[in-house]
Amino acid sequence: MEKLNIVVSLITEQNDYQREQAASAQAAAAKLGASVQIIYANNDAVQQTQQILKFIQEPSKRPDGIVVEPVGTGMPQVAKAAVAAGIAWGVINARVDYLPELRQRALVPVFSVVSDHEEIGRIQGQQIAAILGEEGCVLYLEGPGVGDVARLRTKGMMSSKPHKVSIKTLKGDWTQRSGYNAIRSWLALSTSRELHVGMVAGQNDDMAIGARHAFEELTDTKERDEWLKLPIIGCDGVPKAGQSWVRQGRLAATIFSPPLIGDAIHLIANSRHTGTQPEERTSVAPSSFPAIQELKRTRSAAAG
């Protein structure tokens, strides 16, 4: 059997979780003796589509499989073209409705692997309760509106946060720079001091740490210290980034969401070996870091 050749399409290289996704792809490829090519879309859905179509439309470049974490939509037409060309199609972290129909006719693996983003949001709401308590105001850094990730994380968070906790939403694009810019722009507003913010929550660790950088650069020492006293939490929990920032005290908490690309590559390899389709959808569970009970004990100790 020829060496397995996989193309992995990721959202951006300017994000620790995406780099962890790439690392998981490389680790899986090394274990399987496969070849993997990783491309980044720079947060541009059109660019991502064009990049993938080049591999599909040129026979000399066609891989055995394409694993994609979509910037925007799940690219149903691109998926159909890939499968028609005999290329396996794996979608990461996106809920797409075309998979059942595509799988009926596909002679190659067609599937999705997703983190449970609504559960990630629910855990973050529980972290807010454990750290802030039953009332207060959270400055909430939300990802881009395209795709499901930001929407599901917000939905989960709103369902589990304390009823009397209010949310002030700022928008970012999953990068540290976007979290930094969102906070800098918000701080420039006179109304930013009227909310009495009690903590900052980012939908990922990069935006959360970017927010911290913005606070660290304030020139008014008293104002800077007041903002830096606030607990800041994120999501994704990459060991060398989010988890490390928690251990350093730069973030109060994160949520560990395991990288998925390696799992997707193993699914393609196994399907190739057995001649069977993988499950249509595989969901991977997240976990709080530190545990919710530990966060509650820390708050109780501080209050006492």
C-alpha atoms as a PDB file:
ATOM      1  CA  MET A   1       0.000   0.000   0.000  1.00  0.00           C
ATOM      2  CA  GLU A   2       1.317   3.438  -0.952  1.00  0.00           C
ATOM      3  CA  LYS A   3       2.276   5.960   1.697  1.00  0.00           C
ATOM      4  CA  LEU A   4      -0.733   7.871   3.027  1.00  0.00           C
ATOM      5  CA  ASN A   5      -0.683  11.523   1.919  1.00  0.00           C
ATOM      6  CA  ILE A   6      -2.831  14.043   3.826  1.00  0.00           C
ATOM      7  CA  VAL A   7      -3.410  17.783   3.402  1.00  0.00           C
ATOM      8  CA  VAL A   8      -4.423  19.659   6.566  1.00  0.00           C
ATOM      9  CA  SER A   9      -6.092  23.070   6.181  1.00  0.00           C
ATOM     10  CA  LEU A  10      -6.104  25.229   9.321  1.00  0.00           C
ATOM     11  CA  ILE A  11      -7.534  28.661  10.108  1.00  0.00           C
ATOM     12  CA  THR A  12      -4.454  30.655  11.111  1.00  0.00           C
ATOM     13  CA  GLU A  13      -0.882  30.147  12.240  1.00  0.00           C
ATOM     14  CA  GLN A  14      -1.256  33.052  14.712  1.00  0.00           C
ATOM     15  CA  ASN A  15      -3.024  30.932  17.310  1.00  0.00           C
ATOM     16  CA  ASP A  16      -1.586  28.481  19.834  1.00  0.00           C
ATOM     17  CA  TYR A  17      -4.415  25.949  19.482  1.00  0.00           C
ATOM     18  CA  GLN A  18      -4.064  25.903  15.687  1.00  0.00           C
ATOM     19  CA  ARG A  19      -0.330  25.306  16.068  1.00  0.00           C
ATOM     20  CA  GLU A  20      -1.164  22.477  18.487  1.00  0.00           C
ATOM     21  CA  GLN A  21      -3.510  21.065  15.833  1.00  0.00           C
ATOM     22  CA  ALA A  22      -0.609  21.143  13.374  1.00  0.00           C
ATOM     23  CA  ALA A  23       1.660  19.400  15.889  1.00  0.00           C
ATOM     24  CA  SER A  24      -0.934  16.656  16.411  1.00  0.00           C
ATOM     25  CA  ALA A  25      -1.102  16.164  12.634  1.00  0.00           C
ATOM     26  CA  GLN A  26       2.664  15.807  12.397  1.00  0.00           C
ATOM     27  CA  ALA A  27       2.753  13.392  15.333  1.00  0.00           C
ATOM     28  CA  ALA A  28       0.042  11.215  13.796  1.00  0.00           C
ATOM     29  CA  ALA A  29       1.779  11.232  10.417  1.00  0.00           C
ATOM     30  CA  ALA A  30       5.077  10.200  12.011  1.00  0.00           C
ATOM     31  CA  LYS A  31       3.390   7.347  13.878  1.00  0.00           C
ATOM     32  CA  LEU A  32       1.627   6.108  10.745  1.00  0.00           C
ATOM     33  CA  GLY A  33       4.530   6.627   8.353  1.00  0.00           C
ATOM     34  CA  ALA A  34       2.323   9.052   6.438  1.00  0.00           C
ATOM     35  CA  SER A  35       3.037  12.346   4.712  1.00  0.00           C
ATOM     36  CA  VAL A  36       1.236  15.499   5.852  1.00  0.00           C
ATOM     37  CA  GLN A  37       1.180  18.980   4.326  1.00  0.00           C
ATOM     38  CA  ILE A  38      -0.195  21.780   6.497  1.00  0.00           C
ATOM     39  CA  ILE A  39      -1.611  24.991   5.021  1.00  0.00           C
ATOM     40  CA  TYR A  40      -3.067  28.046   6.758  1.00  0.00           C
ATOM     41  CA  ALA A  41      -5.940  30.197   5.511  1.00  0.00           C
ATOM     42  CA  ASN A  42      -5.038  33.384   7.435  1.00  0.00           C
ATOM     43  CA  ASN A  43      -8.619  33.698   8.693  1.00  0.00           C
ATOM     44  CA  ASP A  44      -9.845  34.048   5.086  1.00  0.00           C
ATOM     45  CA  ALA A  45     -12.618  31.698   3.939  1.00  0.00           C
ATOM     46  CA  VAL A  46     -12.115  32.505   0.241  1.00  0.00           C
ATOM     47  CA  GLN A  47      -8.391  31.872   0.486  1.00  0.00           C
ATOM     48  CA  GLN A  48      -9.031  28.575   2.245  1.00  0.00           C
ATOM     49  CA  THR A  49     -11.384  27.421  -0.507  1.00  0.00           C
ATOM     50  CA  GLN A  50      -8.920  28.382  -3.241  1.00  0.00           C
ATOM     51  CA  GLN A  51      -6.046  26.648  -1.470  1.00  0.00           C
ATOM     52  CA  ILE A  52      -7.990  23.392  -1.156  1.00  0.00           C
ATOM     53  CA  LEU A  53      -9.337  23.493  -4.722  1.00  0.00           C
ATOM     54  CA  LYS A  54      -5.777  23.615  -6.078  1.00  0.00           C
ATOM     55  CA  PHE A  55      -5.120  20.209  -4.531  1.00  0.00           C
ATOM     56  CA  ILE A  56      -8.386  18.785  -5.863  1.00  0.00           C
ATOM     57  CA  GLN A  57      -8.202  20.156  -9.404  1.00  0.00           C
ATOM     58  CA  GLU A  58      -4.582  19.239 -10.183  1.00  0.00           C
ATOM     59  CA  PRO A  59      -4.242  15.427 -10.368  1.00  0.00           C
ATOM     60  CA  SER A  60      -0.515  15.530  -9.601  1.00  0.00           C
ATOM     61  CA  LYS A  61      -1.245  17.276  -6.282  1.00  0.00           C
ATOM     62  CA  ARG A  62      -4.201  15.181  -5.136  1.00  0.00           C
ATOM     63  CA  PRO A  63      -3.720  13.764  -1.633  1.00  0.00           C
ATOM     64  CA  ASP A  64      -5.413  10.690  -0.194  1.00  0.00           C
ATOM     65  CA  GLY A  65      -7.309  12.881   2.252  1.00  0.00           C
ATOM     66  CA  ILE A  66      -8.057  16.470   3.207  1.00  0.00           C
ATOM     67  CA  VAL A  67      -8.687  17.421   6.819  1.00  0.00           C
ATOM     68  CA  VAL A  68     -10.054  20.942   7.183  1.00  0.00           C
ATOM     69  CA  GLU A  69     -10.953  23.239  10.060  1.00  0.00           C
ATOM     70  CA  PRO A  70     -13.175  25.722   8.187  1.00  0.00           C
ATOM     71  CA  VAL A  71     -12.807  29.477   8.536  1.00  0.00           C
ATOM     72  CA  GLY A  72     -16.443  29.967   7.560  1.00  0.00           C
ATOM     73  CA  THR A  73     -18.924  27.468   6.158  1.00  0.00           C
ATOM     74  CA  GLY A  74     -18.206  23.779   5.817  1.00  0.00           C
ATOM     75  CA  MET A  75     -17.616  24.195   2.055  1.00  0.00           C
ATOM     76  CA  PRO A  76     -20.151  21.639   0.771  1.00  0.00           C
ATOM     77  CA  GLN A  77     -19.268  22.107  -2.907  1.00  0.00           C
ATOM     78  CA  VAL A  78     -15.559  21.726  -2.203  1.00  0.00           C
ATOM     79  CA  ALA A  79     -16.330  18.601  -0.165  1.00  0.00           C
ATOM     80  CA  LYS A  80     -18.311  17.117  -3.074  1.00  0.00           C
ATOM     81  CA  ALA A  81     -15.475  17.875  -5.482  1.00  0.00           C
ATOM     82  CA  ALA A  82     -12.935  16.241  -3.175  1.00  0.00           C
ATOM     83  CA  VAL A  83     -14.970  13.068  -2.707  1.00  0.00           C
ATOM     84  CA  ALA A  84     -15.727  12.870  -6.434  1.00  0.00           C
ATOM     85  CA  ALA A  85     -11.961  12.985  -7.022  1.00  0.00           C
ATOM     86  CA  GLY A  86     -11.463  10.077  -4.600  1.00  0.00           C
ATOM     87  CA  ILE A  87     -10.124  12.192  -1.731  1.00  0.00           C
ATOM     88  CA  ALA A  88     -11.192  11.473   1.857  1.00  0.00           C
ATOM     89  CA  TRP A  89     -12.842  14.476   3.548  1.00  0.00           C
ATOM     90  CA  GLY A  90     -12.631  15.195   7.270  1.00  0.00           C
ATOM     91  CA  VAL A  91     -14.172  18.307   8.840  1.00  0.00           C
ATOM     92  CA  ILE A  92     -12.836  19.546  12.172  1.00  0.00           C
ATOM     93  CA  ASN A  93     -14.722  21.669  14.702  1.00  0.00           C
ATOM     94  CA  ALA A  94     -17.659  22.484  12.451  1.00  0.00           C
ATOM     95  CA  ARG A  95     -21.192  21.134  12.295  1.00  0.00           C
ATOM     96  CA  VAL A  96     -22.100  20.528   8.651  1.00  0.00           C
ATOM     97  CA  ASP A  97     -25.375  19.096   7.361  1.00  0.00           C
ATOM     98  CA  TYR A  98     -24.148  17.622   4.071  1.00  0.00           C
ATOM     99  CA  LEU A  99     -22.190  14.664   5.483  1.00  0.00           C
ATOM    100  CA  PRO A 100     -25.043  12.073   5.535  1.00  0.00           C
ATOM    101  CA  GLU A 101     -25.848  12.603   1.857  1.00  0.00           C
ATOM    102  CA  LEU A 102     -22.192  12.666   0.842  1.00  0.00           C
ATOM    103  CA  ARG A 103     -21.453   9.473   2.783  1.00  0.00           C
ATOM    104  CA  GLN A 104     -24.218   7.581   0.929  1.00  0.00           C
ATOM    105  CA  ARG A 105     -22.275   7.718  -2.340  1.00  0.00           C
ATOM    106  CA  ALA A 106     -18.692   8.132  -1.092  1.00  0.00           C
ATOM    107  CA  LEU A 107     -16.051   5.497  -1.796  1.00  0.00           C
ATOM    108  CA  VAL A 108     -13.668   7.294   0.594  1.00  0.00           C
ATOM    109  CA  PRO A 109     -13.960   8.282   4.286  1.00  0.00           C
ATOM    110  CA  VAL A 110     -16.249  11.263   4.973  1.00  0.00           C
ATOM    111  CA  PHE A 111     -16.615  12.348   8.612  1.00  0.00           C
ATOM    112  CA  SER A 112     -16.234  15.082  11.215  1.00  0.00           C
ATOM    113  CA  VAL A 113     -14.352  15.345  14.505  1.00  0.00           C
ATOM    114  CA  VAL A 114     -15.476  18.096  16.858  1.00  0.00           C
ATOM    115  CA  SER A 115     -14.823  19.469  20.292  1.00  0.00           C
ATOM    116  CA  ASP A 116     -18.011  19.870  22.313  1.00  0.00           C
ATOM    117  CA  HIS A 117     -18.062  23.661  22.068  1.00  0.00           C
ATOM    118  CA  GLU A 118     -21.349  24.094  23.882  1.00  0.00           C
ATOM    119  CA  GLU A 119     -19.877  22.109  26.779  1.00  0.00           C
ATOM    120  CA  ILE A 120     -16.758  24.303  26.634  1.00  0.00           C
ATOM    121  CA  GLY A 121     -19.070  27.291  27.059  1.00  0.00           C
ATOM    122  CA  ARG A 122     -20.931  25.601  29.922  1.00  0.00           C
ATOM    123  CA  ILE A 123     -17.653  24.928  31.710  1.00  0.00           C
ATOM    124  CA  GLN A 124     -16.633  28.553  31.251  1.00  0.00           C
ATOM    125  CA  GLY A 125     -19.944  29.660  32.757  1.00  0.00           C
ATOM    126  CA  GLN A 126     -19.210  27.394  35.736  1.00  0.00           C
ATOM    127  CA  GLN A 127     -15.732  28.918  36.020  1.00  0.00           C
ATOM    128  CA  ILE A 128     -17.291  32.390  36.058  1.00  0.00           C
ATOM    129  CA  ALA A 129     -19.551  31.321  38.925  1.00  0.00           C
ATOM    130  CA  ALA A 130     -16.650  29.705  40.807  1.00  0.00           C
ATOM    131  CA  ILE A 131     -14.385  32.756  40.441  1.00  0.00           C
ATOM    132  CA  LEU A 132     -16.732  35.762  40.363  1.00  0.00           C
ATOM    133  CA  GLY A 133     -19.669  34.477  42.365  1.00  0.00           C
ATOM    134  CA  GLU A 134     -23.381  34.999  41.820  1.00  0.00           C
ATOM    135  CA  GLU A 135     -23.281  38.547  40.431  1.00  0.00           C
ATOM    136  CA  GLY A 136     -20.993  40.985  38.685  1.00  0.00           C
ATOM    137  CA  CYS A 137     -19.917  41.954  35.160  1.00  0.00           C
ATOM    138  CA  VAL A 138     -17.754  39.923  32.775  1.00  0.00           C
ATOM    139  CA  LEU A 139     -15.880  41.428  29.838  1.00  0.00           C
ATOM    140  CA  TYR A 140     -16.310  38.660  27.254  1.00  0.00           C
ATOM    141  CA  LEU A 141     -13.995  38.298  24.241  1.00  0.00           C
ATOM    142  CA  GLU A 142     -15.958  36.407  21.590  1.00  0.00           C
ATOM    143  CA  GLY A 143     -14.616  34.824  18.404  1.00  0.00           C
ATOM    144  CA  PRO A 144     -15.804  35.672  14.875  1.00  0.00           C
ATOM    145  CA  GLY A 145     -19.454  35.125  14.012  1.00  0.00           C
ATOM    146  CA  VAL A 146     -18.790  32.839  11.021  1.00  0.00           C
ATOM    147  CA  GLY A 147     -18.951  29.141  11.814  1.00  0.00           C
ATOM    148  CA  ASP A 148     -20.292  27.440  14.925  1.00  0.00           C
ATOM    149  CA  VAL A 149     -17.492  27.647  17.470  1.00  0.00           C
ATOM    150  CA  ALA A 150     -18.075  31.143  18.871  1.00  0.00           C
ATOM    151  CA  ARG A 151     -21.866  30.769  18.772  1.00  0.00           C
ATOM    152  CA  LEU A 152     -21.868  27.450  20.614  1.00  0.00           C
ATOM    153  CA  ARG A 153     -19.359  28.598  23.231  1.00  0.00           C
ATOM    154  CA  THR A 154     -21.472  31.689  23.901  1.00  0.00           C
ATOM    155  CA  LYS A 155     -24.646  29.616  24.091  1.00  0.00           C
ATOM    156  CA  GLY A 156     -23.103  27.228  26.591  1.00  0.00           C
ATOM    157  CA  MET A 157     -21.651  30.022  28.724  1.00  0.00           C
ATOM    158  CA  MET A 158     -24.959  31.901  28.864  1.00  0.00           C
ATOM    159  CA  SER A 159     -26.778  28.731  29.931  1.00  0.00           C
ATOM    160  CA  SER A 160     -24.554  28.082  32.951  1.00  0.00           C
ATOM    161  CA  LYS A 161     -23.358  31.476  34.199  1.00  0.00           C
ATOM    162  CA  PRO A 162     -25.122  32.882  37.280  1.00  0.00           C
ATOM    163  CA  HIS A 163     -28.339  34.703  36.372  1.00  0.00           C
ATOM    164  CA  LYS A 164     -27.201  37.995  37.910  1.00  0.00           C
ATOM    165  CA  VAL A 165     -23.852  38.046  36.103  1.00  0.00           C
ATOM    166  CA  SER A 166     -23.960  40.454  33.143  1.00  0.00           C
ATOM    167  CA  ILE A 167     -21.895  40.028  29.974  1.00  0.00           C
ATOM    168  CA  LYS A 168     -20.249  42.803  27.945  1.00  0.00           C
ATOM    169  CA  THR A 169     -19.144  41.314  24.624  1.00  0.00           C
ATOM    170  CA  LEU A 170     -16.149  42.420  22.559  1.00  0.00           C
ATOM    171  CA  LYS A 171     -15.223  40.764  19.257  1.00  0.00           C
ATOM    172  CA  GLY A 172     -11.961  39.126  18.230  1.00  0.00           C
ATOM    173  CA  ASP A 173     -10.661  36.632  15.661  1.00  0.00           C
ATOM    174  CA  TRP A 174      -8.951  34.035  17.903  1.00  0.00           C
ATOM    175  CA  THR A 175      -5.543  35.795  17.836  1.00  0.00           C
ATOM    176  CA  GLN A 176      -3.668  37.553  20.647  1.00  0.00           C
ATOM    177  CA  ARG A 177      -3.561  40.701  18.553  1.00  0.00           C
ATOM    178  CA  SER A 178      -7.356  40.779  18.250  1.00  0.00           C
ATOM    179  CA  GLY A 179      -7.804  40.423  22.028  1.00  0.00           C
ATOM    180  CA  TYR A 180      -5.263  43.187  22.578  1.00  0.00           C
ATOM    181  CA  ASN A 181      -6.939  45.491  20.038  1.00  0.00           C
ATOM    182  CA  ALA A 182     -10.440  44.809  21.394  1.00  0.00           C
ATOM    183  CA  ILE A 183      -9.399  45.815  24.922  1.00  0.00           C
ATOM    184  CA  ARG A 184      -7.397  48.853  23.776  1.00  0.00           C
ATOM    185  CA  SER A 185     -10.358  50.122  21.757  1.00  0.00           C
ATOM    186  CA  TRP A 186     -12.766  49.503  24.612  1.00  0.00           C
ATOM    187  CA  LEU A 187     -10.546  51.221  27.182  1.00  0.00           C
ATOM    188  CA  ALA A 188     -10.490  54.302  24.949  1.00  0.00           C
ATOM    189  CA  LEU A 189     -14.243  54.687  25.545  1.00  0.00           C
ATOM    190  CA  SER A 190     -15.277  56.837  28.500  1.00  0.00           C
ATOM    191  CA  THR A 191     -18.033  54.312  29.286  1.00  0.00           C
ATOM    192  CA  SER A 192     -15.466  51.535  29.915  1.00  0.00           C
ATOM    193  CA  ARG A 193     -15.042  52.710  33.522  1.00  0.00           C
ATOM    194  CA  GLU A 194     -18.763  52.692  34.241  1.00  0.00           C
ATOM    195  CA  LEU A 195     -19.336  48.924  34.050  1.00  0.00           C
ATOM    196  CA  HIS A 196     -17.398  47.857  37.163  1.00  0.00           C
ATOM    197  CA  VAL A 197     -15.982  44.796  35.409  1.00  0.00           C
ATOM    198  CA  GLY A 198     -15.241  41.904  37.763  1.00  0.00           C
ATOM    199  CA  MET A 199     -13.384  39.552  35.413  1.00  0.00           C
ATOM    200  CA  VAL A 200     -12.388  38.982  31.780  1.00  0.00           C
ATOM    201  CA  ALA A 201     -13.273  35.816  29.835  1.00  0.00           C
ATOM    202  CA  GLY A 202     -11.907  34.954  26.412  1.00  0.00           C
ATOM    203  CA  GLN A 203     -13.349  32.317  24.123  1.00  0.00           C
ATOM    204  CA  ASN A 204      -9.769  31.184  23.651  1.00  0.00           C
ATOM    205  CA  ASP A 205      -6.493  31.638  25.503  1.00  0.00           C
ATOM    206  CA  ASP A 206      -4.880  33.788  22.831  1.00  0.00           C
ATOM    207  CA  MET A 207      -7.542  36.486  23.019  1.00  0.00           C
ATOM    208  CA  ALA A 208      -7.470  36.284  26.824  1.00  0.00           C
ATOM    209  CA  ILE A 209      -3.693  36.764  27.040  1.00  0.00           C
ATOM    210  CA  GLY A 210      -3.927  39.510  24.409  1.00  0.00           C
ATOM    211  CA  ALA A 211      -6.337  41.298  26.742  1.00  0.00           C
ATOM    212  CA  ARG A 212      -3.811  40.982  29.547  1.00  0.00           C
ATOM    213  CA  HIS A 213      -1.107  42.503  27.341  1.00  0.00           C
ATOM    214  CA  ALA A 214      -3.393  45.507  26.757  1.00  0.00           C
ATOM    215  CA  PHE A 215      -3.815  46.007  30.505  1.00  0.00           C
ATOM    216  CA  GLU A 216      -0.070  45.614  31.072  1.00  0.00           C
ATOM    217  CA  GLU A 217       0.655  48.488  28.686  1.00  0.00           C
ATOM    218  CA  LEU A 218      -1.495  51.054  30.493  1.00  0.00           C
ATOM    219  CA  THR A 219       0.701  53.977  31.514  1.00  0.00           C
ATOM    220  CA  ASP A 220      -1.347  54.955  34.572  1.00  0.00           C
ATOM    221  CA  THR A 221       0.147  52.689  37.250  1.00  0.00           C
ATOM    222  CA  LYS A 222      -2.913  52.692  39.503  1.00  0.00           C
ATOM    223  CA  GLU A 223      -5.286  51.952  36.616  1.00  0.00           C
ATOM    224  CA  ARG A 224      -2.972  49.226  35.282  1.00  0.00           C
ATOM    225  CA  ASP A 225      -2.776  47.528  38.660  1.00  0.00           C
ATOM    226  CA  GLU A 226      -6.546  47.634  39.093  1.00  0.00           C
ATOM    227  CA  TRP A 227      -7.156  45.944  35.747  1.00  0.00           C
ATOM    228  CA  LEU A 228      -4.436  43.363  36.316  1.00  0.00           C
ATOM    229  CA  LYS A 229      -6.071  42.360  39.611  1.00  0.00           C
ATOM    230  CA  LEU A 230      -9.034  41.034  37.637  1.00  0.00           C
ATOM    231  CA  PRO A 231      -9.158  37.279  36.995  1.00  0.00           C
ATOM    232  CA  ILE A 232      -8.757  36.483  33.281  1.00  0.00           C
ATOM    233  CA  ILE A 233      -9.850  33.124  31.872  1.00  0.00           C
ATOM    234  CA  GLY A 234      -9.621  31.495  28.465  1.00  0.00           C
ATOM    235  CA  CYS A 235     -10.250  28.275  26.539  1.00  0.00           C
ATOM    236  CA  ASP A 236      -8.257  25.628  24.609  1.00  0.00           C
ATOM    237  CA  GLY A 237      -5.693  24.845  27.311  1.00  0.00           C
ATOM    238  CA  VAL A 238      -2.685  24.092  25.120  1.00  0.00           C
ATOM    239  CA  PRO A 239      -0.066  22.749  27.594  1.00  0.00           C
ATOM    240  CA  LYS A 240       2.684  25.150  26.498  1.00  0.00           C
ATOM    241  CA  ALA A 241       0.354  28.162  26.290  1.00  0.00           C
ATOM    242  CA  GLY A 242      -2.958  28.295  28.188  1.00  0.00           C
ATOM    243  CA  GLN A 243      -2.044  25.767  30.886  1.00  0.00           C
ATOM    244  CA  SER A 244       1.387  27.352  31.277  1.00  0.00           C
ATOM    245  CA  TRP A 245      -0.190  30.823  31.645  1.00  0.00           C
ATOM    246  CA  VAL A 246      -2.461  29.467  34.381  1.00  0.00           C
ATOM    247  CA  ARG A 247       0.536  28.032  36.260  1.00  0.00           C
ATOM    248  CA  GLN A 248       2.326  31.378  35.913  1.00  0.00           C
ATOM    249  CA  GLY A 249      -0.708  33.219  37.302  1.00  0.00           C
ATOM    250  CA  ARG A 250      -1.248  35.163  34.080  1.00  0.00           C
ATOM    251  CA  LEU A 251      -4.624  33.462  33.562  1.00  0.00           C
ATOM    252  CA  ALA A 252      -6.906  32.302  36.373  1.00  0.00           C
ATOM    253  CA  ALA A 253      -8.238  29.301  34.433  1.00  0.00           C
ATOM    254  CA  THR A 254      -8.590  27.741  31.007  1.00  0.00           C
ATOM    255  CA  ILE A 255     -10.482  24.811  29.464  1.00  0.00           C
ATOM    256  CA  PHE A 256      -8.530  21.943  27.951  1.00  0.00           C
ATOM    257  CA  SER A 257      -9.850  21.065  24.511  1.00  0.00           C
ATOM    258  CA  PRO A 258      -7.698  18.281  22.999  1.00  0.00           C
ATOM    259  CA  PRO A 259      -6.326  18.801  19.455  1.00  0.00           C
ATOM    260  CA  LEU A 260      -8.320  16.821  16.905  1.00  0.00           C
ATOM    261  CA  ILE A 261      -6.341  16.643  13.676  1.00  0.00           C
ATOM    262  CA  GLY A 262      -4.295  13.642  14.768  1.00  0.00           C
ATOM    263  CA  ASP A 263      -7.499  11.734  15.530  1.00  0.00           C
ATOM    264  CA  ALA A 264      -8.852  12.583  12.073  1.00  0.00           C
ATOM    265  CA  ILE A 265      -5.707  11.324  10.334  1.00  0.00           C
ATOM    266  CA  HIS A 266      -5.874   8.062  12.304  1.00  0.00           C
ATOM    267  CA  LEU A 267      -9.526   7.664  11.229  1.00  0.00           C
ATOM    268  CA  ILE A 268      -8.539   8.009   7.574  1.00  0.00           C
ATOM    269  CA  ALA A 269      -5.690   5.533   7.984  1.00  0.00           C
ATOM    270  CA  ASN A 270      -7.915   2.992   9.749  1.00  0.00           C
ATOM    271  CA  SER A 271     -10.637   3.326   7.124  1.00  0.00           C
ATOM    272  CA  ARG A 272      -8.084   2.827   4.387  1.00  0.00           C
ATOM    273  CA  HIS A 273      -6.888  -0.348   6.133  1.00  0.00           C
ATOM    274  CA  THR A 274     -10.352  -1.804   6.854  1.00  0.00           C
ATOM    275  CA  GLY A 275     -12.297  -0.466   3.876  1.00  0.00           C
ATOM    276  CA  THR A 276     -15.037   0.883   6.159  1.00  0.00           C
ATOM    277  CA  GLN A 277     -16.395   4.341   6.874  1.00  0.00           C
ATOM    278  CA  PRO A 278     -15.559   5.933  10.245  1.00  0.00           C
ATOM    279  CA  GLU A 279     -18.396   7.175  12.415  1.00  0.00           C
ATOM    280  CA  GLU A 280     -20.040  10.210  10.859  1.00  0.00           C
ATOM    281  CA  ARG A 281     -19.275  12.396  13.879  1.00  0.00           C
ATOM    282  CA  THR A 282     -16.778  11.956  16.705  1.00  0.00           C
ATOM    283  CA  SER A 283     -17.052  14.333  19.670  1.00  0.00           C
ATOM    284  CA  VAL A 284     -14.191  14.985  22.095  1.00  0.00           C
ATOM    285  CA  ALA A 285     -14.984  16.188  25.629  1.00  0.00           C
ATOM    286  CA  PRO A 286     -13.259  19.222  27.242  1.00  0.00           C
ATOM    287  CA  SER A 287     -12.285  19.719  30.902  1.00  0.00           C
ATOM    288  CA  SER A 288     -11.699  22.655  33.251  1.00  0.00           C
ATOM    289  CA  PHE A 289      -8.115  23.536  34.159  1.00  0.00           C
ATOM    290  CA  PRO A 290      -7.909  23.799  37.134  1.00  0.00           C
ATOM    291  CA  ALA A 291     -10.971  21.779  38.152  1.00  0.00           C
ATOM    292  CA  ILE A 292     -14.098  23.756  39.109  1.00  0.00           C
ATOM    293  CA  GLN A 293     -13.897  22.575  42.721  1.00  0.00           C
ATOM    294  CA  GLU A 294     -10.333  23.838  42.971  1.00  0.00           C
ATOM    295  CA  LEU A 295     -11.414  27.236  41.656  1.00  0.00           C
ATOM    296  CA  LYS A 296     -14.175  27.348  44.267  1.00  0.00           C
ATOM    297  CA  ARG A 297     -11.744  26.456  47.050  1.00  0.00           C
ATOM    298  CA  THR A 298      -9.358  29.205  45.887  1.00  0.00           C
ATOM    299  CA  ARG A 299     -12.153  31.786  45.952  1.00  0.00           C
ATOM    300  CA  SER A 300     -13.332  30.632  49.391  1.00  0.00           C
ATOM    301  CA  ALA A 301      -9.789  30.827  50.750  1.00  0.00           C
ATOM    302  CA  ALA A 302      -9.365  34.353  49.342  1.00  0.00           C
ATOM    303  CA  ALA A 303     -12.695  35.467  50.819  1.00  0.00           C
ATOM    304  CA  GLY A 304     -11.836  33.978  54.206  1.00  0.00           C
END
